[in-house]
Amino acid sequence: MKIIAKIISVLFHPSLMITYAFILFLIINPYIFGVDRFLLRTPLLFSVIFLSFLFPGGTVLMMRKLNLISGITLQNPKERIGPYIAAIIFYLWLYINIRSNFEIPELFKSLVLGSTISLCLLFFFNNFNKVSAHMAGMTGLSMFTLFLIYTPHSGMISLSLLSPVFERIPALLPALVIFCTGLVGYARIELGVHTLKQICGGFMIGLFSQMIAYIVYFK
C-alpha cells in the first residue's frame, strides 16, 4: 500500500495542480483562451509549468545539493521555509504575468491567485505545525473543477472533448477530482507524513484560499 501511496503523492504533487487545471480548461474550452487549437497555447503552458512546478522544484533540488535541507520530501517543517518562500515568489510572478492578459479567463486567474494565497497561508501555519500542502493543492483543484461545471465563468465548455460520459453526467468530473482528493489525504496518512488534523488543516486552507480568490474576481 505504501508504494501506491507514494505514486499517488507524486502524481498529485501540489505544484502540479495549476498545470492540471490549465490543461483541463484548455481541453474543454480552448476558445476561452483566444485559440482553437491546443498547440497554440503551448507558450503559456510552458510558462505555467516552469513557474508553478519546475522553478519551485529546482529550488528544492538546489537546496538539497547545497545541504540546506536533508531531503526533497521536506519532512521537517523548518526545511519547508525556504521552498515555501521560493514558491510564493514564483507563483506571484505567474499571477502578475497573467492578471492583465485579457485572453486568459478570469476563472484561471482566480485559481492562480487562490493558489498563491494558499501558499502564503501554508507558509504562515508551517511556523506552528506542519500542514498538508498536498491536501491544500487538491482542494484548490477540486474547487476549480466545481467552478468550471457550476458557474457561468467557464464559458461554453464541452465535456465531450474529455469523454462522452462527462457530457452526459457533468457532475462526474468534480466527483472524480474530489475522490482523488480523498485518495491523496489517505495516501499522506498511510505514508505517515501527516496526521488527520494536518490533512484537515490543508483542506481548510485550500478551500478558504480559493473562495477568497473567487470572491475577489466575481463578487
Protein backbone atom coordinates (compact mmCIF):
# COMPACT_ATOMS: atom_id res chain seq x y z
CA MET A 1 0.00 0.00 0.00
CA LYS A 2 2.85 2.38 0.74
CA ILE A 3 4.11 2.06 -2.84
CA ILE A 4 0.67 3.03 -4.17
CA ALA A 5 0.51 5.88 -1.65
CA LYS A 6 3.87 7.17 -2.88
CA ILE A 7 2.72 7.02 -6.51
CA ILE A 8 -0.45 8.95 -5.62
CA SER A 9 1.61 11.56 -3.75
CA VAL A 10 3.87 12.07 -6.77
CA LEU A 11 1.08 12.19 -9.36
CA PHE A 12 -0.87 14.70 -7.30
CA HIS A 13 2.01 16.81 -6.05
CA PRO A 14 0.68 20.27 -5.10
CA SER A 15 2.96 22.06 -7.55
CA LEU A 16 1.26 20.22 -10.44
CA MET A 17 -2.26 21.40 -9.66
CA ILE A 18 -2.18 24.62 -11.68
CA THR A 19 -0.79 22.76 -14.69
CA TYR A 20 -3.52 20.11 -14.44
CA ALA A 21 -6.18 22.82 -14.14
CA PHE A 22 -4.80 24.71 -17.16
CA ILE A 23 -4.73 21.61 -19.37
CA LEU A 24 -8.24 20.64 -18.29
CA PHE A 25 -9.61 24.12 -19.01
CA LEU A 26 -7.81 24.33 -22.34
CA ILE A 27 -9.17 20.96 -23.47
CA ILE A 28 -12.82 21.56 -22.62
CA ASN A 29 -12.91 25.20 -23.77
CA PRO A 30 -9.93 26.24 -25.94
CA TYR A 31 -11.82 29.23 -27.34
CA ILE A 32 -11.90 30.96 -23.98
CA PHE A 33 -8.12 31.33 -24.28
CA GLY A 34 -8.50 33.00 -27.66
CA VAL A 35 -7.37 29.98 -29.69
CA ASP A 36 -8.97 26.99 -31.33
CA ARG A 37 -6.08 24.57 -31.08
CA PHE A 38 -4.22 23.23 -28.07
CA LEU A 39 -0.76 23.72 -29.56
CA LEU A 40 -1.28 27.46 -29.95
CA ARG A 41 -1.26 27.79 -26.18
CA THR A 42 1.99 25.89 -25.58
CA PRO A 43 3.96 29.09 -24.72
CA LEU A 44 1.52 29.84 -21.91
CA LEU A 45 1.54 26.18 -20.89
CA PHE A 46 5.33 26.26 -20.63
CA SER A 47 5.13 29.43 -18.52
CA VAL A 48 2.70 27.72 -16.17
CA ILE A 49 4.82 24.58 -15.91
CA PHE A 50 8.07 26.47 -15.33
CA LEU A 51 6.75 28.97 -12.78
CA SER A 52 4.45 26.67 -10.82
CA PHE A 53 6.42 23.41 -10.99
CA LEU A 54 9.92 23.37 -12.46
CA PHE A 55 11.33 26.51 -10.80
CA PRO A 56 9.98 25.68 -7.31
CA GLY A 57 11.13 22.08 -7.76
CA GLY A 58 14.52 23.23 -8.98
CA THR A 59 14.86 25.39 -5.88
CA VAL A 60 14.31 22.34 -3.68
CA LEU A 61 16.90 20.34 -5.62
CA MET A 62 19.39 23.19 -5.40
CA MET A 63 18.86 23.50 -1.65
CA ARG A 64 19.38 19.74 -1.30
CA LYS A 65 22.59 19.95 -3.34
CA LEU A 66 23.84 22.72 -1.03
CA ASN A 67 22.87 20.62 2.03
CA LEU A 68 20.43 23.29 3.17
CA ILE A 69 17.77 20.59 3.54
CA SER A 70 18.11 16.90 4.39
CA GLY A 71 15.83 15.61 1.62
CA ILE A 72 13.45 16.64 -1.13
CA THR A 73 10.41 15.35 0.78
CA LEU A 74 10.80 18.22 3.30
CA GLN A 75 9.65 16.24 6.32
CA ASN A 76 10.91 18.85 8.77
CA PRO A 77 8.68 21.95 8.90
CA LYS A 78 11.75 24.18 9.26
CA GLU A 79 13.11 22.83 5.97
CA ARG A 80 9.93 23.95 4.22
CA ILE A 81 10.53 27.64 4.93
CA GLY A 82 12.96 28.27 2.05
CA PRO A 83 11.00 26.27 -0.56
CA TYR A 84 7.75 27.97 0.50
CA ILE A 85 9.28 31.42 0.08
CA ALA A 86 10.64 30.49 -3.34
CA ALA A 87 7.31 29.00 -4.43
CA ILE A 88 5.43 32.12 -3.28
CA ILE A 89 7.76 34.29 -5.37
CA PHE A 90 7.29 32.16 -8.49
CA TYR A 91 3.51 31.94 -8.04
CA LEU A 92 3.31 35.71 -7.59
CA TRP A 93 5.41 36.09 -10.72
CA LEU A 94 2.97 33.87 -12.63
CA TYR A 95 -0.06 35.74 -11.32
CA ILE A 96 1.40 39.16 -12.14
CA ASN A 97 2.18 37.96 -15.66
CA ILE A 98 -1.36 36.74 -16.37
CA ARG A 99 -3.61 39.12 -14.44
CA SER A 100 -3.59 41.82 -17.14
CA ASN A 101 -3.81 39.42 -20.08
CA PHE A 102 -7.36 39.74 -21.44
CA GLU A 103 -7.05 36.43 -23.33
CA ILE A 104 -6.72 34.45 -20.11
CA PRO A 105 -10.08 33.71 -18.43
CA GLU A 106 -10.79 35.24 -15.05
CA LEU A 107 -11.52 31.81 -13.61
CA PHE A 108 -7.96 30.67 -14.26
CA LYS A 109 -6.57 33.89 -12.81
CA SER A 110 -8.71 33.24 -9.75
CA LEU A 111 -7.17 29.77 -9.41
CA VAL A 112 -3.61 31.15 -9.56
CA LEU A 113 -4.45 33.88 -7.05
CA GLY A 114 -6.06 31.32 -4.76
CA SER A 115 -3.03 29.04 -5.05
CA THR A 116 -0.75 31.95 -4.15
CA ILE A 117 -2.89 32.78 -1.11
CA SER A 118 -2.83 29.11 -0.16
CA LEU A 119 0.98 29.07 -0.29
CA CYS A 120 1.17 32.15 1.93
CA LEU A 121 -1.15 30.53 4.47
CA LEU A 122 0.81 27.28 4.35
CA PHE A 123 3.99 29.25 4.99
CA PHE A 124 2.38 31.03 7.95
CA PHE A 125 0.93 27.94 9.61
CA ASN A 126 4.09 25.96 8.93
CA ASN A 127 5.71 28.02 11.69
CA PHE A 128 3.35 26.40 14.19
CA ASN A 129 2.59 22.97 12.77
CA LYS A 130 3.17 21.05 9.55
CA VAL A 131 0.08 21.29 7.32
CA SER A 132 -0.57 19.17 4.25
CA ALA A 133 0.31 21.12 1.09
CA HIS A 134 -0.90 18.13 -0.94
CA MET A 135 -4.38 18.47 0.51
CA ALA A 136 -4.41 22.25 0.04
CA GLY A 137 -3.44 21.81 -3.62
CA MET A 138 -6.00 19.09 -4.31
CA THR A 139 -8.75 21.06 -2.59
CA GLY A 140 -7.88 24.02 -4.83
CA LEU A 141 -8.17 21.79 -7.90
CA SER A 142 -11.49 20.43 -6.64
CA MET A 143 -12.86 23.93 -6.14
CA PHE A 144 -11.67 24.94 -9.62
CA THR A 145 -13.45 21.93 -11.13
CA LEU A 146 -16.66 22.78 -9.29
CA PHE A 147 -16.45 26.36 -10.56
CA LEU A 148 -15.92 25.05 -14.09
CA ILE A 149 -19.08 22.97 -14.00
CA TYR A 150 -21.45 25.00 -11.85
CA THR A 151 -20.67 28.65 -12.62
CA PRO A 152 -21.02 30.62 -15.88
CA HIS A 153 -17.43 31.87 -15.74
CA SER A 154 -16.00 28.90 -17.66
CA GLY A 155 -17.78 29.86 -20.87
CA MET A 156 -19.18 27.28 -23.29
CA ILE A 157 -17.39 24.19 -22.08
CA SER A 158 -17.61 20.88 -23.92
CA LEU A 159 -17.02 17.95 -21.58
CA SER A 160 -17.42 15.56 -24.51
CA LEU A 161 -13.87 16.53 -25.50
CA LEU A 162 -12.80 14.65 -22.38
CA SER A 163 -15.31 11.82 -22.68
CA PRO A 164 -18.97 11.42 -23.71
CA VAL A 165 -19.59 10.14 -20.20
CA PHE A 166 -18.69 13.51 -18.69
CA GLU A 167 -21.00 15.23 -21.17
CA ARG A 168 -23.92 13.05 -20.09
CA ILE A 169 -23.09 13.33 -16.38
CA PRO A 170 -21.30 16.67 -15.77
CA ALA A 171 -21.19 16.11 -12.00
CA LEU A 172 -18.94 13.12 -12.60
CA LEU A 173 -15.89 15.32 -13.28
CA PRO A 174 -15.86 17.21 -9.95
CA ALA A 175 -16.87 13.99 -8.18
CA LEU A 176 -13.82 12.25 -9.66
CA VAL A 177 -11.48 15.07 -8.60
CA ILE A 178 -12.98 15.12 -5.09
CA PHE A 179 -12.50 11.34 -4.91
CA CYS A 180 -8.84 11.82 -5.87
CA THR A 181 -8.57 14.46 -3.15
CA GLY A 182 -9.71 11.88 -0.62
CA LEU A 183 -7.19 9.38 -2.02
CA VAL A 184 -4.38 11.89 -1.60
CA GLY A 185 -5.39 12.54 2.01
CA TYR A 186 -5.42 8.80 2.69
CA ALA A 187 -2.06 8.37 0.96
CA ARG A 188 -0.40 11.06 3.08
CA ILE A 189 -1.71 9.46 6.27
CA GLU A 190 -0.70 6.00 5.05
CA LEU A 191 2.85 7.23 4.45
CA GLY A 192 2.94 8.63 7.98
CA VAL A 193 3.91 12.13 6.83
CA HIS A 194 0.71 13.79 8.06
CA THR A 195 -1.91 13.33 10.72
CA LEU A 196 -5.66 13.63 10.14
CA LYS A 197 -5.54 17.06 11.79
CA GLN A 198 -2.86 18.23 9.35
CA ILE A 199 -4.86 16.85 6.42
CA CYS A 200 -7.95 18.74 7.57
CA GLY A 201 -5.84 21.87 8.02
CA GLY A 202 -4.64 21.62 4.41
CA PHE A 203 -8.21 21.12 3.24
CA MET A 204 -9.40 24.25 5.06
CA ILE A 205 -6.53 26.33 3.70
CA GLY A 206 -7.21 25.21 0.11
CA LEU A 207 -10.95 25.82 0.49
CA PHE A 208 -10.58 29.24 2.13
CA SER A 209 -7.96 30.45 -0.35
CA GLN A 210 -9.96 29.58 -3.45
CA MET A 211 -13.15 31.06 -2.02
CA ILE A 212 -11.37 34.33 -1.25
CA ALA A 213 -9.89 34.47 -4.77
CA TYR A 214 -13.28 33.69 -6.31
CA ILE A 215 -14.91 36.50 -4.32
CA VAL A 216 -12.17 38.91 -5.42
CA TYR A 217 -12.90 38.20 -9.08
CA PHE A 218 -16.60 37.51 -9.23
CA LYS A 219 -18.39 39.19 -6.31
